[in-house]
Amino acid sequence: MLRRSVGGPEVMRRQLGRLVDAGRQANIEVRVLPQSSGAHASPDGSFKIYELPEPYPAVAYISSPAGAIYVEAEKAARLMLKFDGIHRDALETDKSVELIASVAEELG
C-alpha cells in the first residue's frame, strides 16, 4: 500500500523517506510485500510476535477493532508460520528500499 496516499504527497514523501533511512541501517530490516505476490498469509491485518527466553512460550499480539488479543504457544506458533510465509514472499531489504525510494520520487 505504498501508493495509497495518507496525509497528502508531502507527508507521504517524508514518511517514505524515513522508511528509506531506516532500511539503510544495519540493524533494521525493511521489507515490502509486492502486489505481485498476490494474497498473503495475513489478510486480516498485522500482528506482533514476542519471543521470550526459556522457559516462557512465544506470545503474539493482534490488534482488532474489539481490542488487543494476546495468544500464547500453539496459536503464536501458527502466527510465526504466517510471518515466515510473508517474509519469504517479501522483497529483500535492498530491493524494498529501492522500491520505497522510487515511490517517494514519484511524489515529486
N, C-alpha and C. Protein backbone atom coordinates (compact mmCIF):
# COMPACT_ATOMS: atom_id res chain seq x y z
N MET A 1 0.81 -1.18 0.00
CA MET A 1 0.00 0.00 0.00
C MET A 1 0.86 1.26 0.00
N LEU A 2 2.05 1.15 -0.57
CA LEU A 2 2.96 2.29 -0.62
C LEU A 2 2.39 3.46 -1.40
N ARG A 3 1.52 3.17 -2.32
CA ARG A 3 0.98 4.24 -3.17
C ARG A 3 -0.37 4.77 -2.68
N ARG A 4 -0.86 4.26 -1.58
CA ARG A 4 -2.12 4.76 -1.02
C ARG A 4 -1.79 6.01 -0.21
N SER A 5 -2.18 7.15 -0.73
CA SER A 5 -1.82 8.43 -0.12
C SER A 5 -2.58 8.67 1.18
N VAL A 6 -1.82 8.96 2.21
CA VAL A 6 -2.39 9.33 3.51
C VAL A 6 -1.70 10.62 3.94
N GLY A 7 -2.47 11.68 4.08
CA GLY A 7 -1.90 12.95 4.53
C GLY A 7 -1.37 13.84 3.43
N GLY A 8 -1.49 13.41 2.19
CA GLY A 8 -1.02 14.22 1.07
C GLY A 8 0.39 13.86 0.66
N PRO A 9 0.80 14.36 -0.53
CA PRO A 9 2.10 13.99 -1.09
C PRO A 9 3.30 14.35 -0.20
N GLU A 10 3.29 15.52 0.41
CA GLU A 10 4.43 15.93 1.23
C GLU A 10 4.60 15.02 2.45
N VAL A 11 3.49 14.71 3.10
CA VAL A 11 3.54 13.82 4.26
C VAL A 11 4.01 12.43 3.83
N MET A 12 3.47 11.94 2.73
CA MET A 12 3.87 10.63 2.23
C MET A 12 5.35 10.59 1.88
N ARG A 13 5.83 11.64 1.22
CA ARG A 13 7.24 11.70 0.83
C ARG A 13 8.14 11.63 2.07
N ARG A 14 7.78 12.37 3.12
CA ARG A 14 8.57 12.35 4.36
C ARG A 14 8.51 10.97 5.03
N GLN A 15 7.34 10.39 5.07
CA GLN A 15 7.20 9.07 5.70
C GLN A 15 8.02 8.02 4.94
N LEU A 16 7.92 8.04 3.63
CA LEU A 16 8.67 7.08 2.83
C LEU A 16 10.18 7.32 2.97
N GLY A 17 10.57 8.59 3.06
CA GLY A 17 11.97 8.92 3.29
C GLY A 17 12.49 8.35 4.60
N ARG A 18 11.66 8.39 5.62
CA ARG A 18 12.05 7.81 6.91
C ARG A 18 12.22 6.30 6.80
N LEU A 19 11.35 5.65 6.04
CA LEU A 19 11.49 4.20 5.83
C LEU A 19 12.79 3.89 5.08
N VAL A 20 13.10 4.70 4.07
CA VAL A 20 14.35 4.50 3.32
C VAL A 20 15.55 4.64 4.25
N ASP A 21 15.54 5.70 5.07
CA ASP A 21 16.65 5.90 6.02
C ASP A 21 16.77 4.73 6.98
N ALA A 22 15.64 4.27 7.49
CA ALA A 22 15.65 3.14 8.43
C ALA A 22 16.17 1.88 7.74
N GLY A 23 15.73 1.65 6.51
CA GLY A 23 16.13 0.45 5.78
C GLY A 23 17.61 0.41 5.43
N ARG A 24 18.27 1.55 5.50
CA ARG A 24 19.71 1.61 5.20
C ARG A 24 20.56 1.38 6.44
N GLN A 25 19.93 1.26 7.60
CA GLN A 25 20.67 0.99 8.82
C GLN A 25 20.91 -0.51 8.95
N ALA A 26 22.06 -0.86 9.48
CA ALA A 26 22.45 -2.27 9.56
C ALA A 26 21.56 -3.08 10.50
N ASN A 27 20.98 -2.45 11.50
CA ASN A 27 20.21 -3.19 12.50
C ASN A 27 18.71 -3.19 12.25
N ILE A 28 18.28 -2.69 11.08
CA ILE A 28 16.85 -2.63 10.76
C ILE A 28 16.61 -3.30 9.42
N GLU A 29 15.61 -4.15 9.36
CA GLU A 29 15.25 -4.82 8.12
C GLU A 29 13.89 -4.30 7.67
N VAL A 30 13.85 -3.65 6.52
CA VAL A 30 12.61 -3.16 5.94
C VAL A 30 12.33 -4.01 4.71
N ARG A 31 11.16 -4.61 4.68
CA ARG A 31 10.80 -5.46 3.54
C ARG A 31 9.41 -5.10 3.06
N VAL A 32 9.25 -5.07 1.75
CA VAL A 32 7.97 -4.77 1.12
C VAL A 32 7.42 -6.05 0.50
N LEU A 33 6.17 -6.32 0.77
CA LEU A 33 5.50 -7.44 0.14
C LEU A 33 4.88 -6.90 -1.15
N PRO A 34 5.43 -7.27 -2.31
CA PRO A 34 4.93 -6.70 -3.56
C PRO A 34 3.52 -7.17 -3.89
N GLN A 35 2.80 -6.31 -4.59
CA GLN A 35 1.44 -6.67 -5.00
C GLN A 35 1.44 -7.92 -5.87
N SER A 36 2.52 -8.14 -6.60
CA SER A 36 2.60 -9.30 -7.49
C SER A 36 2.60 -10.61 -6.73
N SER A 37 2.83 -10.57 -5.40
CA SER A 37 2.81 -11.81 -4.63
C SER A 37 1.39 -12.33 -4.40
N GLY A 38 0.40 -11.49 -4.74
CA GLY A 38 -1.00 -11.92 -4.61
C GLY A 38 -1.45 -11.90 -3.16
N ALA A 39 -2.43 -12.75 -2.86
CA ALA A 39 -2.95 -12.83 -1.50
C ALA A 39 -1.84 -13.30 -0.57
N HIS A 40 -1.79 -12.71 0.61
CA HIS A 40 -0.73 -13.11 1.54
C HIS A 40 -1.33 -13.77 2.78
N ALA A 41 -0.45 -14.21 3.65
CA ALA A 41 -0.86 -15.05 4.78
C ALA A 41 -1.60 -14.32 5.89
N SER A 42 -1.66 -12.99 5.84
CA SER A 42 -2.34 -12.27 6.92
C SER A 42 -3.28 -11.19 6.37
N PRO A 43 -4.30 -11.59 5.62
CA PRO A 43 -5.20 -10.59 5.05
C PRO A 43 -6.02 -9.84 6.09
N ASP A 44 -6.08 -10.38 7.31
CA ASP A 44 -6.87 -9.73 8.36
C ASP A 44 -6.14 -8.60 9.07
N GLY A 45 -4.86 -8.41 8.77
CA GLY A 45 -4.14 -7.31 9.38
C GLY A 45 -2.84 -7.75 10.04
N SER A 46 -2.28 -6.80 10.76
CA SER A 46 -0.96 -7.01 11.34
C SER A 46 -1.02 -7.75 12.67
N PHE A 47 0.15 -8.25 13.05
CA PHE A 47 0.32 -8.90 14.34
C PHE A 47 1.77 -8.77 14.74
N LYS A 48 2.04 -8.94 16.00
CA LYS A 48 3.41 -8.88 16.52
C LYS A 48 3.67 -10.17 17.28
N ILE A 49 4.90 -10.65 17.17
CA ILE A 49 5.30 -11.86 17.88
C ILE A 49 6.45 -11.50 18.82
N TYR A 50 6.32 -11.88 20.06
CA TYR A 50 7.37 -11.64 21.04
C TYR A 50 7.92 -12.98 21.47
N GLU A 51 9.18 -13.21 21.14
CA GLU A 51 9.84 -14.44 21.56
C GLU A 51 10.57 -14.16 22.87
N LEU A 52 10.24 -14.94 23.88
CA LEU A 52 10.76 -14.74 25.22
C LEU A 52 11.80 -15.80 25.54
N PRO A 53 12.67 -15.52 26.52
CA PRO A 53 13.66 -16.53 26.90
C PRO A 53 12.98 -17.75 27.53
N GLU A 54 13.64 -18.90 27.42
CA GLU A 54 13.14 -20.12 28.06
C GLU A 54 12.96 -19.86 29.54
N PRO A 55 11.98 -20.39 30.14
CA PRO A 55 11.03 -21.40 29.72
C PRO A 55 9.71 -20.81 29.21
N TYR A 56 9.68 -19.53 28.93
CA TYR A 56 8.43 -18.87 28.54
C TYR A 56 8.11 -19.11 27.07
N PRO A 57 6.82 -19.30 26.76
CA PRO A 57 6.43 -19.50 25.35
C PRO A 57 6.39 -18.17 24.62
N ALA A 58 6.42 -18.24 23.32
CA ALA A 58 6.24 -17.03 22.50
C ALA A 58 4.84 -16.49 22.74
N VAL A 59 4.71 -15.19 22.62
CA VAL A 59 3.42 -14.52 22.78
C VAL A 59 3.17 -13.69 21.53
N ALA A 60 1.95 -13.72 21.04
CA ALA A 60 1.61 -12.91 19.87
C ALA A 60 0.55 -11.89 20.28
N TYR A 61 0.62 -10.74 19.65
CA TYR A 61 -0.32 -9.65 19.90
C TYR A 61 -1.02 -9.34 18.59
N ILE A 62 -2.35 -9.31 18.64
CA ILE A 62 -3.15 -8.99 17.46
C ILE A 62 -4.04 -7.81 17.82
N SER A 63 -3.98 -6.77 17.01
CA SER A 63 -4.84 -5.62 17.23
C SER A 63 -6.13 -5.85 16.47
N SER A 64 -7.25 -5.61 17.13
CA SER A 64 -8.54 -5.78 16.47
C SER A 64 -9.46 -4.63 16.87
N PRO A 65 -10.53 -4.41 16.12
CA PRO A 65 -11.49 -3.37 16.50
C PRO A 65 -12.08 -3.60 17.89
N ALA A 66 -12.07 -4.84 18.35
CA ALA A 66 -12.61 -5.16 19.68
C ALA A 66 -11.57 -4.99 20.78
N GLY A 67 -10.34 -4.68 20.41
CA GLY A 67 -9.27 -4.51 21.39
C GLY A 67 -8.12 -5.46 21.14
N ALA A 68 -7.16 -5.42 22.03
CA ALA A 68 -5.97 -6.26 21.89
C ALA A 68 -6.28 -7.71 22.21
N ILE A 69 -5.65 -8.59 21.44
CA ILE A 69 -5.77 -10.03 21.68
C ILE A 69 -4.35 -10.56 21.85
N TYR A 70 -4.10 -11.25 22.94
CA TYR A 70 -2.81 -11.88 23.18
C TYR A 70 -2.99 -13.39 23.11
N VAL A 71 -2.09 -14.05 22.41
CA VAL A 71 -2.15 -15.51 22.33
C VAL A 71 -0.78 -16.09 22.64
N GLU A 72 -0.77 -17.30 23.16
CA GLU A 72 0.48 -17.97 23.51
C GLU A 72 0.60 -19.29 22.77
N ALA A 73 1.77 -19.85 22.89
CA ALA A 73 2.11 -21.20 22.49
C ALA A 73 1.62 -21.59 21.10
N GLU A 74 0.66 -22.52 21.03
CA GLU A 74 0.25 -23.09 19.74
C GLU A 74 -0.26 -22.03 18.77
N LYS A 75 -1.10 -21.11 19.24
CA LYS A 75 -1.63 -20.07 18.36
C LYS A 75 -0.52 -19.11 17.93
N ALA A 76 0.39 -18.81 18.83
CA ALA A 76 1.53 -17.96 18.46
C ALA A 76 2.39 -18.68 17.41
N ALA A 77 2.52 -19.98 17.54
CA ALA A 77 3.30 -20.76 16.57
C ALA A 77 2.66 -20.67 15.18
N ARG A 78 1.33 -20.66 15.12
CA ARG A 78 0.65 -20.52 13.82
C ARG A 78 0.94 -19.15 13.21
N LEU A 79 0.96 -18.11 14.05
CA LEU A 79 1.28 -16.77 13.54
C LEU A 79 2.74 -16.69 13.09
N MET A 80 3.61 -17.43 13.77
CA MET A 80 5.02 -17.47 13.35
C MET A 80 5.14 -18.09 11.95
N LEU A 81 4.33 -19.09 11.66
CA LEU A 81 4.32 -19.69 10.32
C LEU A 81 3.83 -18.68 9.29
N LYS A 82 2.81 -17.90 9.64
CA LYS A 82 2.32 -16.84 8.75
C LYS A 82 3.44 -15.84 8.47
N PHE A 83 4.12 -15.43 9.54
CA PHE A 83 5.21 -14.47 9.38
C PHE A 83 6.28 -15.02 8.45
N ASP A 84 6.64 -16.29 8.63
CA ASP A 84 7.66 -16.90 7.78
C ASP A 84 7.25 -16.86 6.31
N GLY A 85 5.97 -17.10 6.02
CA GLY A 85 5.48 -17.06 4.64
C GLY A 85 5.54 -15.66 4.06
N ILE A 86 5.13 -14.68 4.85
CA ILE A 86 5.18 -13.29 4.39
C ILE A 86 6.62 -12.86 4.17
N HIS A 87 7.49 -13.21 5.10
CA HIS A 87 8.92 -12.86 4.99
C HIS A 87 9.53 -13.48 3.74
N ARG A 88 9.17 -14.71 3.47
CA ARG A 88 9.69 -15.42 2.30
C ARG A 88 9.26 -14.74 1.00
N ASP A 89 8.01 -14.24 0.95
CA ASP A 89 7.47 -13.64 -0.26
C ASP A 89 7.86 -12.18 -0.45
N ALA A 90 8.36 -11.55 0.61
CA ALA A 90 8.71 -10.12 0.55
C ALA A 90 10.02 -9.92 -0.20
N LEU A 91 10.16 -8.72 -0.73
CA LEU A 91 11.41 -8.34 -1.38
C LEU A 91 12.54 -8.27 -0.35
N GLU A 92 13.76 -8.54 -0.79
CA GLU A 92 14.91 -8.35 0.09
C GLU A 92 14.99 -6.89 0.49
N THR A 93 15.71 -6.60 1.57
CA THR A 93 15.78 -5.24 2.09
C THR A 93 16.26 -4.24 1.05
N ASP A 94 17.32 -4.54 0.33
CA ASP A 94 17.85 -3.57 -0.65
C ASP A 94 16.83 -3.28 -1.75
N LYS A 95 16.14 -4.30 -2.21
CA LYS A 95 15.10 -4.11 -3.24
C LYS A 95 13.91 -3.34 -2.67
N SER A 96 13.57 -3.62 -1.42
CA SER A 96 12.46 -2.91 -0.77
C SER A 96 12.78 -1.43 -0.63
N VAL A 97 14.00 -1.12 -0.20
CA VAL A 97 14.41 0.28 -0.04
C VAL A 97 14.40 0.99 -1.40
N GLU A 98 14.87 0.30 -2.44
CA GLU A 98 14.84 0.89 -3.79
C GLU A 98 13.40 1.20 -4.22
N LEU A 99 12.50 0.28 -3.97
CA LEU A 99 11.10 0.48 -4.34
C LEU A 99 10.50 1.65 -3.56
N ILE A 100 10.72 1.69 -2.27
CA ILE A 100 10.19 2.78 -1.44
C ILE A 100 10.73 4.13 -1.92
N ALA A 101 12.03 4.18 -2.21
CA ALA A 101 12.64 5.43 -2.70
C ALA A 101 12.04 5.85 -4.03
N SER A 102 11.76 4.90 -4.92
CA SER A 102 11.19 5.25 -6.22
C SER A 102 9.76 5.77 -6.07
N VAL A 103 8.99 5.21 -5.14
CA VAL A 103 7.64 5.70 -4.89
C VAL A 103 7.70 7.12 -4.33
N ALA A 104 8.65 7.38 -3.45
CA ALA A 104 8.82 8.73 -2.88
C ALA A 104 9.17 9.73 -3.99
N GLU A 105 10.03 9.30 -4.92
CA GLU A 105 10.40 10.18 -6.05
C GLU A 105 9.19 10.49 -6.93
N GLU A 106 8.31 9.51 -7.12
CA GLU A 106 7.11 9.72 -7.93
C GLU A 106 6.22 10.83 -7.34
N LEU A 107 6.31 11.02 -6.04
CA LEU A 107 5.50 12.03 -5.37
C LEU A 107 6.04 13.46 -5.57
N GLY A 108 7.17 13.56 -6.23
CA GLY A 108 7.70 14.89 -6.54
C GLY A 108 8.89 15.23 -5.81
